[in-house]
Full PDB file with SEQRES, HELIX, SHEET, SSBOND, CRYST1, ORIGX, SCALE, CONECT and MASTER records, all heavy atoms in Angstrom:
SEQRES   1 A   30  ASN GLU MET ALA GLU ARG GLY VAL ARG GLN LEU ASN ILE          
SEQRES   2 A   30  ARG THR PRO SER ILE PHE LYS PRO ILE GLY GLU LEU SER          
SEQRES   3 A   30  GLY GLY ASN GLN                                              
HELIX    1 AA1 GLU A    2  GLN A   10  1                                   9    
HELIX    2 AA2 ILE A   22  GLU A   24  5                                   3    
CRYST1    1.000    1.000    1.000  90.00  90.00  90.00 P 1           1          
ORIGX1      1.000000  0.000000  0.000000        0.00000                         
ORIGX2      0.000000  1.000000  0.000000        0.00000                         
ORIGX3      0.000000  0.000000  1.000000        0.00000                         
SCALE1      1.000000  0.000000  0.000000        0.00000                         
SCALE2      0.000000  1.000000  0.000000        0.00000                         
SCALE3      0.000000  0.000000  1.000000        0.00000                         
ATOM      1  N   ASN A   1     131.335 -84.458 -30.483  1.00  0.00           N  
ATOM      2  CA  ASN A   1     132.652 -84.119 -31.018  1.00  0.00           C  
ATOM      3  C   ASN A   1     133.642 -83.817 -29.900  1.00  0.00           C  
ATOM      4  O   ASN A   1     134.819 -84.185 -29.983  1.00  0.00           O  
ATOM      5  CB  ASN A   1     132.554 -82.922 -31.969  1.00  0.00           C  
ATOM      6  CG  ASN A   1     131.796 -83.258 -33.241  1.00  0.00           C  
ATOM      7  OD1 ASN A   1     131.590 -84.421 -33.559  1.00  0.00           O  
ATOM      8  ND2 ASN A   1     131.368 -82.235 -33.969  1.00  0.00           N  
ATOM      9  N   GLU A   2     133.165 -83.130 -28.848  1.00  0.00           N  
ATOM     10  CA  GLU A   2     134.038 -82.827 -27.708  1.00  0.00           C  
ATOM     11  C   GLU A   2     134.493 -84.108 -27.025  1.00  0.00           C  
ATOM     12  O   GLU A   2     135.656 -84.225 -26.617  1.00  0.00           O  
ATOM     13  CB  GLU A   2     133.313 -81.910 -26.712  1.00  0.00           C  
ATOM     14  CG  GLU A   2     133.149 -80.482 -27.204  1.00  0.00           C  
ATOM     15  CD  GLU A   2     132.333 -79.626 -26.262  1.00  0.00           C  
ATOM     16  OE1 GLU A   2     131.809 -80.190 -25.252  1.00  0.00           O  
ATOM     17  OE2 GLU A   2     132.196 -78.404 -26.506  1.00  0.00           O  
ATOM     18  N   MET A   3     133.587 -85.083 -26.897  1.00  0.00           N  
ATOM     19  CA  MET A   3     133.945 -86.370 -26.302  1.00  0.00           C  
ATOM     20  C   MET A   3     135.027 -87.053 -27.132  1.00  0.00           C  
ATOM     21  O   MET A   3     136.011 -87.580 -26.597  1.00  0.00           O  
ATOM     22  CB  MET A   3     132.717 -87.280 -26.206  1.00  0.00           C  
ATOM     23  CG  MET A   3     133.011 -88.693 -25.703  1.00  0.00           C  
ATOM     24  SD  MET A   3     131.573 -89.774 -25.840  1.00  0.00           S  
ATOM     25  CE  MET A   3     130.493 -89.043 -24.615  1.00  0.00           C  
ATOM     26  N   ALA A   4     134.831 -87.030 -28.449  1.00  0.00           N  
ATOM     27  CA  ALA A   4     135.798 -87.668 -29.338  1.00  0.00           C  
ATOM     28  C   ALA A   4     137.149 -86.962 -29.288  1.00  0.00           C  
ATOM     29  O   ALA A   4     138.198 -87.609 -29.206  1.00  0.00           O  
ATOM     30  CB  ALA A   4     135.264 -87.697 -30.761  1.00  0.00           C  
ATOM     31  N   GLU A   5     137.129 -85.634 -29.332  1.00  0.00           N  
ATOM     32  CA  GLU A   5     138.383 -84.877 -29.276  1.00  0.00           C  
ATOM     33  C   GLU A   5     139.118 -85.130 -27.967  1.00  0.00           C  
ATOM     34  O   GLU A   5     140.356 -85.251 -27.948  1.00  0.00           O  
ATOM     35  CB  GLU A   5     138.104 -83.368 -29.432  1.00  0.00           C  
ATOM     36  CG  GLU A   5     137.560 -82.954 -30.797  1.00  0.00           C  
ATOM     37  CD  GLU A   5     138.635 -82.912 -31.871  1.00  0.00           C  
ATOM     38  OE1 GLU A   5     139.771 -83.351 -31.595  1.00  0.00           O  
ATOM     39  OE2 GLU A   5     138.319 -82.460 -32.988  1.00  0.00           O  
ATOM     40  N   ARG A   6     138.362 -85.235 -26.873  1.00  0.00           N  
ATOM     41  CA  ARG A   6     138.968 -85.499 -25.573  1.00  0.00           C  
ATOM     42  C   ARG A   6     139.647 -86.868 -25.575  1.00  0.00           C  
ATOM     43  O   ARG A   6     140.776 -87.026 -25.093  1.00  0.00           O  
ATOM     44  CB  ARG A   6     137.903 -85.432 -24.477  1.00  0.00           C  
ATOM     45  CG  ARG A   6     138.449 -85.571 -23.068  1.00  0.00           C  
ATOM     46  CD  ARG A   6     137.423 -85.126 -22.036  1.00  0.00           C  
ATOM     47  NE  ARG A   6     136.162 -85.841 -22.153  1.00  0.00           N  
ATOM     48  CZ  ARG A   6     135.020 -85.299 -22.572  1.00  0.00           C  
ATOM     49  NH1 ARG A   6     134.985 -84.026 -22.938  1.00  0.00           N  
ATOM     50  NH2 ARG A   6     133.909 -86.004 -22.628  1.00  0.00           N  
ATOM     51  N   GLY A   7     138.968 -87.876 -26.152  1.00  0.00           N  
ATOM     52  CA  GLY A   7     139.549 -89.210 -26.225  1.00  0.00           C  
ATOM     53  C   GLY A   7     140.802 -89.241 -27.077  1.00  0.00           C  
ATOM     54  O   GLY A   7     141.792 -89.907 -26.730  1.00  0.00           O  
ATOM     55  N   VAL A   8     140.786 -88.519 -28.201  1.00  0.00           N  
ATOM     56  CA  VAL A   8     141.961 -88.449 -29.084  1.00  0.00           C  
ATOM     57  C   VAL A   8     143.140 -87.822 -28.357  1.00  0.00           C  
ATOM     58  O   VAL A   8     144.278 -88.298 -28.458  1.00  0.00           O  
ATOM     59  CB  VAL A   8     141.616 -87.672 -30.375  1.00  0.00           C  
ATOM     60  CG1 VAL A   8     142.889 -87.313 -31.147  1.00  0.00           C  
ATOM     61  CG2 VAL A   8     140.671 -88.487 -31.249  1.00  0.00           C  
ATOM     62  N   ARG A   9     142.883 -86.752 -27.587  1.00  0.00           N  
ATOM     63  CA  ARG A   9     143.964 -86.088 -26.840  1.00  0.00           C  
ATOM     64  C   ARG A   9     144.487 -86.984 -25.720  1.00  0.00           C  
ATOM     65  O   ARG A   9     145.703 -87.151 -25.559  1.00  0.00           O  
ATOM     66  CB  ARG A   9     143.466 -84.761 -26.243  1.00  0.00           C  
ATOM     67  CG  ARG A   9     143.275 -83.634 -27.244  1.00  0.00           C  
ATOM     68  CD  ARG A   9     143.131 -82.308 -26.506  1.00  0.00           C  
ATOM     69  NE  ARG A   9     142.070 -82.339 -25.494  1.00  0.00           N  
ATOM     70  CZ  ARG A   9     140.808 -82.054 -25.726  1.00  0.00           C  
ATOM     71  NH1 ARG A   9     140.417 -81.722 -26.953  1.00  0.00           N  
ATOM     72  NH2 ARG A   9     139.914 -82.095 -24.753  1.00  0.00           N  
ATOM     73  N   GLN A  10     143.590 -87.549 -24.949  1.00  0.00           N  
ATOM     74  CA  GLN A  10     143.989 -88.349 -23.794  1.00  0.00           C  
ATOM     75  C   GLN A  10     144.863 -89.534 -24.194  1.00  0.00           C  
ATOM     76  O   GLN A  10     145.837 -89.863 -23.500  1.00  0.00           O  
ATOM     77  CB  GLN A  10     142.748 -88.865 -23.051  1.00  0.00           C  
ATOM     78  CG  GLN A  10     142.026 -87.828 -22.225  1.00  0.00           C  
ATOM     79  CD  GLN A  10     140.783 -88.418 -21.561  1.00  0.00           C  
ATOM     80  OE1 GLN A  10     140.230 -89.420 -21.996  1.00  0.00           O  
ATOM     81  NE2 GLN A  10     140.344 -87.783 -20.493  1.00  0.00           N  
ATOM     82  N   LEU A  11     144.521 -90.180 -25.299  1.00  0.00           N  
ATOM     83  CA  LEU A  11     145.209 -91.408 -25.681  1.00  0.00           C  
ATOM     84  C   LEU A  11     146.174 -91.216 -26.842  1.00  0.00           C  
ATOM     85  O   LEU A  11     146.700 -92.194 -27.376  1.00  0.00           O  
ATOM     86  CB  LEU A  11     144.176 -92.489 -26.022  1.00  0.00           C  
ATOM     87  CG  LEU A  11     143.222 -92.855 -24.876  1.00  0.00           C  
ATOM     88  CD1 LEU A  11     142.308 -93.987 -25.282  1.00  0.00           C  
ATOM     89  CD2 LEU A  11     144.001 -93.255 -23.636  1.00  0.00           C  
ATOM     90  N   ASN A  12     146.388 -89.961 -27.223  1.00  0.00           N  
ATOM     91  CA  ASN A  12     147.349 -89.669 -28.288  1.00  0.00           C  
ATOM     92  C   ASN A  12     147.051 -90.482 -29.544  1.00  0.00           C  
ATOM     93  O   ASN A  12     147.936 -91.124 -30.124  1.00  0.00           O  
ATOM     94  CB  ASN A  12     148.787 -89.931 -27.804  1.00  0.00           C  
ATOM     95  CG  ASN A  12     149.836 -89.398 -28.761  1.00  0.00           C  
ATOM     96  OD1 ASN A  12     149.584 -88.429 -29.482  1.00  0.00           O  
ATOM     97  ND2 ASN A  12     150.994 -90.043 -28.804  1.00  0.00           N  
ATOM     98  N   ILE A  13     145.791 -90.475 -29.973  1.00  0.00           N  
ATOM     99  CA  ILE A  13     145.379 -91.191 -31.186  1.00  0.00           C  
ATOM    100  C   ILE A  13     145.839 -90.386 -32.391  1.00  0.00           C  
ATOM    101  O   ILE A  13     145.462 -89.221 -32.549  1.00  0.00           O  
ATOM    102  CB  ILE A  13     143.851 -91.384 -31.212  1.00  0.00           C  
ATOM    103  CG1 ILE A  13     143.411 -92.224 -30.002  1.00  0.00           C  
ATOM    104  CG2 ILE A  13     143.416 -92.067 -32.510  1.00  0.00           C  
ATOM    105  CD1 ILE A  13     141.907 -92.253 -29.786  1.00  0.00           C  
ATOM    106  N   ARG A  14     146.653 -91.001 -33.227  1.00  0.00           N  
ATOM    107  CA  ARG A  14     147.203 -90.289 -34.382  1.00  0.00           C  
ATOM    108  C   ARG A  14     146.216 -90.358 -35.547  1.00  0.00           C  
ATOM    109  O   ARG A  14     146.112 -91.363 -36.238  1.00  0.00           O  
ATOM    110  CB  ARG A  14     148.554 -90.879 -34.762  1.00  0.00           C  
ATOM    111  CG  ARG A  14     149.611 -90.702 -33.673  1.00  0.00           C  
ATOM    112  CD  ARG A  14     150.953 -91.269 -34.087  1.00  0.00           C  
ATOM    113  NE  ARG A  14     151.927 -91.149 -33.017  1.00  0.00           N  
ATOM    114  CZ  ARG A  14     152.143 -92.072 -32.087  1.00  0.00           C  
ATOM    115  NH1 ARG A  14     151.436 -93.185 -32.124  1.00  0.00           N  
ATOM    116  NH2 ARG A  14     153.044 -91.901 -31.149  1.00  0.00           N  
ATOM    117  N   THR A  15     145.486 -89.280 -35.724  1.00  0.00           N  
ATOM    118  CA  THR A  15     144.521 -89.162 -36.814  1.00  0.00           C  
ATOM    119  C   THR A  15     144.465 -87.705 -37.238  1.00  0.00           C  
ATOM    120  O   THR A  15     144.532 -86.812 -36.369  1.00  0.00           O  
ATOM    121  CB  THR A  15     143.119 -89.646 -36.389  1.00  0.00           C  
ATOM    122  OG1 THR A  15     142.201 -89.430 -37.462  1.00  0.00           O  
ATOM    123  CG2 THR A  15     142.616 -88.937 -35.146  1.00  0.00           C  
ATOM    124  N   PRO A  16     144.361 -87.417 -38.533  1.00  0.00           N  
ATOM    125  CA  PRO A  16     144.271 -86.013 -38.956  1.00  0.00           C  
ATOM    126  C   PRO A  16     142.976 -85.355 -38.517  1.00  0.00           C  
ATOM    127  O   PRO A  16     142.895 -84.131 -38.464  1.00  0.00           O  
ATOM    128  CB  PRO A  16     144.368 -86.104 -40.478  1.00  0.00           C  
ATOM    129  CG  PRO A  16     143.970 -87.502 -40.824  1.00  0.00           C  
ATOM    130  CD  PRO A  16     144.406 -88.346 -39.675  1.00  0.00           C  
ATOM    131  N   SER A  17     141.962 -86.173 -38.194  1.00  0.00           N  
ATOM    132  CA  SER A  17     140.654 -85.606 -37.840  1.00  0.00           C  
ATOM    133  C   SER A  17     139.815 -86.679 -37.157  1.00  0.00           C  
ATOM    134  O   SER A  17     139.973 -87.870 -37.422  1.00  0.00           O  
ATOM    135  CB  SER A  17     139.942 -85.112 -39.096  1.00  0.00           C  
ATOM    136  OG  SER A  17     138.574 -84.909 -38.873  1.00  0.00           O  
ATOM    137  N   ILE A  18     138.903 -86.258 -36.283  1.00  0.00           N  
ATOM    138  CA  ILE A  18     137.973 -87.212 -35.663  1.00  0.00           C  
ATOM    139  C   ILE A  18     136.958 -87.718 -36.678  1.00  0.00           C  
ATOM    140  O   ILE A  18     136.237 -88.683 -36.407  1.00  0.00           O  
ATOM    141  CB  ILE A  18     137.231 -86.589 -34.461  1.00  0.00           C  
ATOM    142  CG1 ILE A  18     136.393 -85.375 -34.904  1.00  0.00           C  
ATOM    143  CG2 ILE A  18     138.184 -86.251 -33.341  1.00  0.00           C  
ATOM    144  CD1 ILE A  18     135.462 -84.836 -33.828  1.00  0.00           C  
ATOM    145  N   PHE A  19     136.941 -87.105 -37.860  1.00  0.00           N  
ATOM    146  CA  PHE A  19     135.999 -87.515 -38.902  1.00  0.00           C  
ATOM    147  C   PHE A  19     136.608 -88.518 -39.889  1.00  0.00           C  
ATOM    148  O   PHE A  19     135.938 -88.959 -40.807  1.00  0.00           O  
ATOM    149  CB  PHE A  19     135.496 -86.278 -39.657  1.00  0.00           C  
ATOM    150  CG  PHE A  19     134.852 -85.261 -38.769  1.00  0.00           C  
ATOM    151  CD1 PHE A  19     135.529 -84.110 -38.403  1.00  0.00           C  
ATOM    152  CD2 PHE A  19     133.576 -85.471 -38.261  1.00  0.00           C  
ATOM    153  CE1 PHE A  19     134.944 -83.165 -37.560  1.00  0.00           C  
ATOM    154  CE2 PHE A  19     132.976 -84.544 -37.419  1.00  0.00           C  
ATOM    155  CZ  PHE A  19     133.665 -83.396 -37.065  1.00  0.00           C  
ATOM    156  N   LYS A  20     137.859 -88.883 -39.686  1.00  0.00           N  
ATOM    157  CA  LYS A  20     138.516 -89.852 -40.571  1.00  0.00           C  
ATOM    158  C   LYS A  20     137.982 -91.251 -40.271  1.00  0.00           C  
ATOM    159  O   LYS A  20     137.830 -91.630 -39.109  1.00  0.00           O  
ATOM    160  CB  LYS A  20     140.028 -89.825 -40.359  1.00  0.00           C  
ATOM    161  CG  LYS A  20     140.800 -90.708 -41.339  1.00  0.00           C  
ATOM    162  CD  LYS A  20     142.295 -90.563 -41.146  1.00  0.00           C  
ATOM    163  CE  LYS A  20     143.073 -91.414 -42.144  1.00  0.00           C  
ATOM    164  NZ  LYS A  20     142.869 -90.973 -43.536  1.00  0.00           N  
ATOM    165  N   PRO A  21     137.674 -92.058 -41.305  1.00  0.00           N  
ATOM    166  CA  PRO A  21     137.224 -93.439 -41.069  1.00  0.00           C  
ATOM    167  C   PRO A  21     138.270 -94.223 -40.274  1.00  0.00           C  
ATOM    168  O   PRO A  21     139.459 -94.188 -40.604  1.00  0.00           O  
ATOM    169  CB  PRO A  21     137.065 -94.010 -42.478  1.00  0.00           C  
ATOM    170  CG  PRO A  21     136.819 -92.813 -43.342  1.00  0.00           C  
ATOM    171  CD  PRO A  21     137.652 -91.716 -42.743  1.00  0.00           C  
ATOM    172  N   ILE A  22     137.843 -94.916 -39.245  1.00  0.00           N  
ATOM    173  CA  ILE A  22     138.780 -95.613 -38.375  1.00  0.00           C  
ATOM    174  C   ILE A  22     139.518 -96.723 -39.119  1.00  0.00           C  
ATOM    175  O   ILE A  22     140.660 -97.059 -38.792  1.00  0.00           O  
ATOM    176  CB  ILE A  22     138.059 -96.186 -37.132  1.00  0.00           C  
ATOM    177  CG1 ILE A  22     139.078 -96.694 -36.103  1.00  0.00           C  
ATOM    178  CG2 ILE A  22     137.096 -97.290 -37.524  1.00  0.00           C  
ATOM    179  CD1 ILE A  22     138.457 -97.121 -34.794  1.00  0.00           C  
ATOM    180  N   GLY A  23     138.888 -97.295 -40.151  1.00  0.00           N  
ATOM    181  CA  GLY A  23     139.528 -98.362 -40.919  1.00  0.00           C  
ATOM    182  C   GLY A  23     140.782 -97.905 -41.633  1.00  0.00           C  
ATOM    183  O   GLY A  23     141.587 -98.737 -42.058  1.00  0.00           O  
ATOM    184  N   GLU A  24     140.977 -96.590 -41.770  1.00  0.00           N  
ATOM    185  CA  GLU A  24     142.162 -96.051 -42.436  1.00  0.00           C  
ATOM    186  C   GLU A  24     143.288 -95.742 -41.455  1.00  0.00           C  
ATOM    187  O   GLU A  24     144.366 -95.300 -41.864  1.00  0.00           O  
ATOM    188  CB  GLU A  24     141.791 -94.793 -43.224  1.00  0.00           C  
ATOM    189  CG  GLU A  24     140.812 -95.074 -44.369  1.00  0.00           C  
ATOM    190  CD  GLU A  24     140.406 -93.815 -45.114  1.00  0.00           C  
ATOM    191  OE1 GLU A  24     141.041 -92.768 -44.885  1.00  0.00           O  
ATOM    192  OE2 GLU A  24     139.448 -93.883 -45.917  1.00  0.00           O  
ATOM    193  N   LEU A  25     143.050 -95.976 -40.152  1.00  0.00           N  
ATOM    194  CA  LEU A  25     144.103 -95.774 -39.159  1.00  0.00           C  
ATOM    195  C   LEU A  25     144.913 -97.051 -38.985  1.00  0.00           C  
ATOM    196  O   LEU A  25     144.482 -98.138 -39.345  1.00  0.00           O  
ATOM    197  CB  LEU A  25     143.501 -95.371 -37.800  1.00  0.00           C  
ATOM    198  CG  LEU A  25     142.641 -94.119 -37.731  1.00  0.00           C  
ATOM    199  CD1 LEU A  25     142.286 -93.830 -36.281  1.00  0.00           C  
ATOM    200  CD2 LEU A  25     143.341 -92.934 -38.364  1.00  0.00           C  
ATOM    201  N   SER A  26     146.082 -96.919 -38.381  1.00  0.00           N  
ATOM    202  CA  SER A  26     146.897 -98.090 -38.063  1.00  0.00           C  
ATOM    203  C   SER A  26     146.229 -98.909 -36.962  1.00  0.00           C  
ATOM    204  O   SER A  26     145.330 -98.426 -36.249  1.00  0.00           O  
ATOM    205  CB  SER A  26     148.284 -97.642 -37.595  1.00  0.00           C  
ATOM    206  OG  SER A  26     148.197 -97.008 -36.327  1.00  0.00           O  
ATOM    207  N   GLY A  27     146.692-100.148 -36.800  1.00  0.00           N  
ATOM    208  CA  GLY A  27     146.111-101.022 -35.787  1.00  0.00           C  
ATOM    209  C   GLY A  27     146.232-100.457 -34.383  1.00  0.00           C  
ATOM    210  O   GLY A  27     145.308-100.561 -33.572  1.00  0.00           O  
ATOM    211  N   GLY A  28     147.393 -99.843 -34.071  1.00  0.00           N  
ATOM    212  CA  GLY A  28     147.571 -99.268 -32.740  1.00  0.00           C  
ATOM    213  C   GLY A  28     146.612 -98.144 -32.460  1.00  0.00           C  
ATOM    214  O   GLY A  28     146.065 -98.022 -31.362  1.00  0.00           O  
ATOM    215  N   ASN A  29     146.358 -97.300 -33.457  1.00  0.00           N  
ATOM    216  CA  ASN A  29     145.433 -96.179 -33.265  1.00  0.00           C  
ATOM    217  C   ASN A  29     143.980 -96.639 -33.255  1.00  0.00           C  
ATOM    218  O   ASN A  29     143.135 -96.040 -32.587  1.00  0.00           O  
ATOM    219  CB  ASN A  29     145.679 -95.128 -34.341  1.00  0.00           C  
ATOM    220  CG  ASN A  29     146.963 -94.359 -34.099  1.00  0.00           C  
ATOM    221  OD1 ASN A  29     147.135 -93.729 -33.066  1.00  0.00           O  
ATOM    222  ND2 ASN A  29     147.893 -94.432 -35.039  1.00  0.00           N  
ATOM    223  N   GLN A  30     143.672 -97.710 -33.982  1.00  0.00           N  
ATOM    224  CA  GLN A  30     142.339 -98.312 -33.865  1.00  0.00           C  
ATOM    225  C   GLN A  30     142.123 -98.816 -32.444  1.00  0.00           C  
ATOM    226  O   GLN A  30     141.055 -98.610 -31.847  1.00  0.00           O  
ATOM    227  CB  GLN A  30     142.196 -99.466 -34.852  1.00  0.00           C  
ATOM    228  CG  GLN A  30     142.097 -99.057 -36.305  1.00  0.00           C  
ATOM    229  CD  GLN A  30     141.983-100.247 -37.234  1.00  0.00           C  
ATOM    230  OE1 GLN A  30     141.809-101.382 -36.804  1.00  0.00           O  
ATOM    231  NE2 GLN A  30     142.090-100.001 -38.534  1.00  0.00           N  
TER     232      GLN A  30                                                      
MASTER        0    0    0    2    0    0    0    6  231    1    0    3          
END                                                                             
């Protein structure tokens, strides 16, 4: 989870949670 949170912060991935299915994100955030 820490690895995922770090990646979300570093790349400014817009997701409400690291547990959200990636298929529900926009193409840029995927």
